[in-house]
Amino acid sequence: PIHHRLAGRVRAHVLLTMLAYYVQWHMRQALAPMLFDEDDPEAAAQARTSPVAPAERSSSAKRKASTQRTDQDQPVHSFQSLLKDLATICRNTLQFGKIADATFIRITTPTPVQRRALELLGLSL
């Protein structure tokens, strides 16, 4: 529900919501090999016998669903579970004693699943 009354705020709310959906759509497309989502839409389209027939999944999507593993032998995730996994990457600022100049930043080492997701998204830490 939208709790805004002013036209400008309603438009801003709708813009931010649509932007969030757009970013999520692109992320799901990039992360499809790690998710239960269809990662080979062309093969799925060829498996359909008619445009009015129910959609068919590709053989790779069926394999992921049955084995619960990706082609890289990593666990298959839902989008939400993968986001929760990625949320465990932390940026820590460490300081030696009370010396203010003796600080440095340390990012947690990503797991193989996190490394693969970052690679598919084209990101680096």
C-alpha atoms as a PDB file:
ATOM      1  CA  PRO A   1       0.000   0.000   0.000  1.00  0.00           C
ATOM      2  CA  ILE A   2       1.056   3.554  -0.741  1.00  0.00           C
ATOM      3  CA  HIS A   3       0.647   5.948   2.176  1.00  0.00           C
ATOM      4  CA  HIS A   4       1.493   9.102   0.215  1.00  0.00           C
ATOM      5  CA  ARG A   5      -1.025  11.831  -0.561  1.00  0.00           C
ATOM      6  CA  LEU A   6       0.992  14.337  -2.578  1.00  0.00           C
ATOM      7  CA  ALA A   7       1.244  13.660  -6.310  1.00  0.00           C
ATOM      8  CA  GLY A   8       5.020  14.097  -6.420  1.00  0.00           C
ATOM      9  CA  ARG A   9       5.547  11.595  -3.632  1.00  0.00           C
ATOM     10  CA  VAL A  10       3.232   9.040  -5.243  1.00  0.00           C
ATOM     11  CA  ARG A  11       5.145   9.373  -8.532  1.00  0.00           C
ATOM     12  CA  ALA A  12       8.469   9.013  -6.682  1.00  0.00           C
ATOM     13  CA  HIS A  13       7.185   5.923  -4.875  1.00  0.00           C
ATOM     14  CA  VAL A  14       6.053   4.311  -8.139  1.00  0.00           C
ATOM     15  CA  LEU A  15       9.373   5.194  -9.811  1.00  0.00           C
ATOM     16  CA  LEU A  16      11.414   3.623  -6.997  1.00  0.00           C
ATOM     17  CA  THR A  17       9.221   0.521  -6.967  1.00  0.00           C
ATOM     18  CA  MET A  18       9.556   0.030 -10.720  1.00  0.00           C
ATOM     19  CA  LEU A  19      13.297   0.651 -10.533  1.00  0.00           C
ATOM     20  CA  ALA A  20      13.609  -2.009  -7.815  1.00  0.00           C
ATOM     21  CA  TYR A  21      11.684  -4.524  -9.955  1.00  0.00           C
ATOM     22  CA  TYR A  22      13.897  -3.690 -12.951  1.00  0.00           C
ATOM     23  CA  VAL A  23      17.102  -4.254 -10.953  1.00  0.00           C
ATOM     24  CA  GLN A  24      15.685  -7.509  -9.573  1.00  0.00           C
ATOM     25  CA  TRP A  25      14.756  -8.699 -13.085  1.00  0.00           C
ATOM     26  CA  HIS A  26      18.302  -8.054 -14.351  1.00  0.00           C
ATOM     27  CA  MET A  27      19.817  -9.788 -11.331  1.00  0.00           C
ATOM     28  CA  ARG A  28      17.592 -12.850 -11.828  1.00  0.00           C
ATOM     29  CA  GLN A  29      18.609 -13.005 -15.502  1.00  0.00           C
ATOM     30  CA  ALA A  30      22.309 -12.868 -14.603  1.00  0.00           C
ATOM     31  CA  LEU A  31      22.008 -15.307 -11.678  1.00  0.00           C
ATOM     32  CA  ALA A  32      19.765 -17.820 -13.514  1.00  0.00           C
ATOM     33  CA  PRO A  33      22.483 -20.545 -13.603  1.00  0.00           C
ATOM     34  CA  MET A  34      22.495 -20.525  -9.772  1.00  0.00           C
ATOM     35  CA  LEU A  35      18.728 -20.230  -9.271  1.00  0.00           C
ATOM     36  CA  PHE A  36      15.769 -22.523  -9.824  1.00  0.00           C
ATOM     37  CA  ASP A  37      14.795 -20.119 -12.626  1.00  0.00           C
ATOM     38  CA  GLU A  38      14.944 -21.120 -16.277  1.00  0.00           C
ATOM     39  CA  ASP A  39      18.491 -20.597 -17.541  1.00  0.00           C
ATOM     40  CA  ASP A  40      17.966 -21.740 -21.148  1.00  0.00           C
ATOM     41  CA  PRO A  41      14.773 -20.097 -22.473  1.00  0.00           C
ATOM     42  CA  GLU A  42      15.545 -21.059 -26.091  1.00  0.00           C
ATOM     43  CA  ALA A  43      15.606 -24.792 -25.245  1.00  0.00           C
ATOM     44  CA  ALA A  44      12.419 -24.380 -23.217  1.00  0.00           C
ATOM     45  CA  ALA A  45      10.715 -22.650 -26.163  1.00  0.00           C
ATOM     46  CA  GLN A  46      11.761 -25.476 -28.509  1.00  0.00           C
ATOM     47  CA  ALA A  47      10.312 -28.063 -26.110  1.00  0.00           C
ATOM     48  CA  ARG A  48       6.882 -26.417 -26.424  1.00  0.00           C
ATOM     49  CA  THR A  49       4.743 -28.171 -29.000  1.00  0.00           C
ATOM     50  CA  SER A  50       2.291 -25.299 -29.478  1.00  0.00           C
ATOM     51  CA  PRO A  51       2.050 -21.634 -28.471  1.00  0.00           C
ATOM     52  CA  VAL A  52      -1.069 -22.446 -26.449  1.00  0.00           C
ATOM     53  CA  ALA A  53       0.462 -25.494 -24.753  1.00  0.00           C
ATOM     54  CA  PRO A  54       1.697 -25.159 -21.164  1.00  0.00           C
ATOM     55  CA  ALA A  55       5.257 -23.934 -20.874  1.00  0.00           C
ATOM     56  CA  GLU A  56       7.946 -26.611 -20.694  1.00  0.00           C
ATOM     57  CA  ARG A  57      11.165 -26.342 -18.757  1.00  0.00           C
ATOM     58  CA  SER A  58      14.485 -26.980 -20.456  1.00  0.00           C
ATOM     59  CA  SER A  59      16.462 -30.112 -19.654  1.00  0.00           C
ATOM     60  CA  SER A  60      19.035 -28.085 -17.697  1.00  0.00           C
ATOM     61  CA  ALA A  61      16.305 -26.506 -15.533  1.00  0.00           C
ATOM     62  CA  LYS A  62      14.789 -29.947 -14.904  1.00  0.00           C
ATOM     63  CA  ARG A  63      18.231 -31.296 -13.972  1.00  0.00           C
ATOM     64  CA  LYS A  64      18.816 -28.414 -11.533  1.00  0.00           C
ATOM     65  CA  ALA A  65      15.419 -28.994  -9.919  1.00  0.00           C
ATOM     66  CA  SER A  66      15.896 -32.752  -9.555  1.00  0.00           C
ATOM     67  CA  THR A  67      19.513 -32.779  -8.344  1.00  0.00           C
ATOM     68  CA  GLN A  68      19.345 -29.489  -6.379  1.00  0.00           C
ATOM     69  CA  ARG A  69      22.867 -28.795  -7.748  1.00  0.00           C
ATOM     70  CA  THR A  70      24.213 -26.477 -10.448  1.00  0.00           C
ATOM     71  CA  ASP A  71      26.553 -27.496 -13.262  1.00  0.00           C
ATOM     72  CA  GLN A  72      29.440 -26.349 -11.011  1.00  0.00           C
ATOM     73  CA  ASP A  73      28.178 -28.766  -8.297  1.00  0.00           C
ATOM     74  CA  GLN A  74      26.998 -25.960  -6.021  1.00  0.00           C
ATOM     75  CA  PRO A  75      23.588 -25.862  -4.320  1.00  0.00           C
ATOM     76  CA  VAL A  76      20.741 -24.297  -6.298  1.00  0.00           C
ATOM     77  CA  HIS A  77      19.120 -21.314  -4.573  1.00  0.00           C
ATOM     78  CA  SER A  78      15.928 -19.348  -4.686  1.00  0.00           C
ATOM     79  CA  PHE A  79      16.476 -15.654  -5.308  1.00  0.00           C
ATOM     80  CA  GLN A  80      15.704 -14.839  -1.665  1.00  0.00           C
ATOM     81  CA  SER A  81      18.034 -17.501  -0.233  1.00  0.00           C
ATOM     82  CA  LEU A  82      20.869 -16.331  -2.488  1.00  0.00           C
ATOM     83  CA  LEU A  83      20.350 -12.724  -1.349  1.00  0.00           C
ATOM     84  CA  LYS A  84      20.464 -13.905   2.281  1.00  0.00           C
ATOM     85  CA  ASP A  85      23.702 -15.746   1.530  1.00  0.00           C
ATOM     86  CA  LEU A  86      25.217 -12.664  -0.132  1.00  0.00           C
ATOM     87  CA  ALA A  87      24.132 -10.521   2.835  1.00  0.00           C
ATOM     88  CA  THR A  88      26.688 -12.310   5.036  1.00  0.00           C
ATOM     89  CA  ILE A  89      29.566 -10.533   3.274  1.00  0.00           C
ATOM     90  CA  CYS A  90      30.746  -7.881   5.724  1.00  0.00           C
ATOM     91  CA  ARG A  91      33.030  -4.854   5.609  1.00  0.00           C
ATOM     92  CA  ASN A  92      34.873  -4.462   8.907  1.00  0.00           C
ATOM     93  CA  THR A  93      37.015  -1.546  10.060  1.00  0.00           C
ATOM     94  CA  LEU A  94      39.737  -2.810  12.384  1.00  0.00           C
ATOM     95  CA  GLN A  95      41.831  -0.713  14.722  1.00  0.00           C
ATOM     96  CA  PHE A  96      44.907  -1.633  16.721  1.00  0.00           C
ATOM     97  CA  GLY A  97      44.440  -0.533  20.311  1.00  0.00           C
ATOM     98  CA  LYS A  98      43.674   3.145  20.780  1.00  0.00           C
ATOM     99  CA  ILE A  99      45.838   4.369  17.907  1.00  0.00           C
ATOM    100  CA  ALA A 100      43.454   6.142  15.521  1.00  0.00           C
ATOM    101  CA  ASP A 101      45.888   6.013  12.592  1.00  0.00           C
ATOM    102  CA  ALA A 102      46.332   2.255  12.866  1.00  0.00           C
ATOM    103  CA  THR A 103      43.057   1.240  11.199  1.00  0.00           C
ATOM    104  CA  PHE A 104      42.352  -0.808   8.112  1.00  0.00           C
ATOM    105  CA  ILE A 105      39.344  -2.221   6.324  1.00  0.00           C
ATOM    106  CA  ARG A 106      38.798  -5.944   5.923  1.00  0.00           C
ATOM    107  CA  ILE A 107      36.063  -7.583   3.823  1.00  0.00           C
ATOM    108  CA  THR A 108      35.072 -11.130   4.696  1.00  0.00           C
ATOM    109  CA  THR A 109      36.282 -13.799   2.291  1.00  0.00           C
ATOM    110  CA  PRO A 110      33.405 -14.858   0.020  1.00  0.00           C
ATOM    111  CA  THR A 111      32.361 -18.495  -0.079  1.00  0.00           C
ATOM    112  CA  PRO A 112      32.469 -20.321  -3.438  1.00  0.00           C
ATOM    113  CA  VAL A 113      28.734 -19.691  -3.898  1.00  0.00           C
ATOM    114  CA  GLN A 114      29.177 -15.980  -3.159  1.00  0.00           C
ATOM    115  CA  ARG A 115      32.181 -15.792  -5.509  1.00  0.00           C
ATOM    116  CA  ARG A 116      30.158 -17.379  -8.324  1.00  0.00           C
ATOM    117  CA  ALA A 117      27.221 -14.997  -7.764  1.00  0.00           C
ATOM    118  CA  LEU A 118      29.505 -11.960  -7.790  1.00  0.00           C
ATOM    119  CA  GLU A 119      31.175 -13.279 -10.952  1.00  0.00           C
ATOM    120  CA  LEU A 120      27.813 -13.706 -12.710  1.00  0.00           C
ATOM    121  CA  LEU A 121      26.806 -10.175 -11.682  1.00  0.00           C
ATOM    122  CA  GLY A 122      30.112  -8.776 -12.909  1.00  0.00           C
ATOM    123  CA  LEU A 123      31.069  -7.470  -9.462  1.00  0.00           C
ATOM    124  CA  SER A 124      34.281  -7.663  -7.461  1.00  0.00           C
ATOM    125  CA  LEU A 125      35.105  -6.941  -3.851  1.00  0.00           C
END
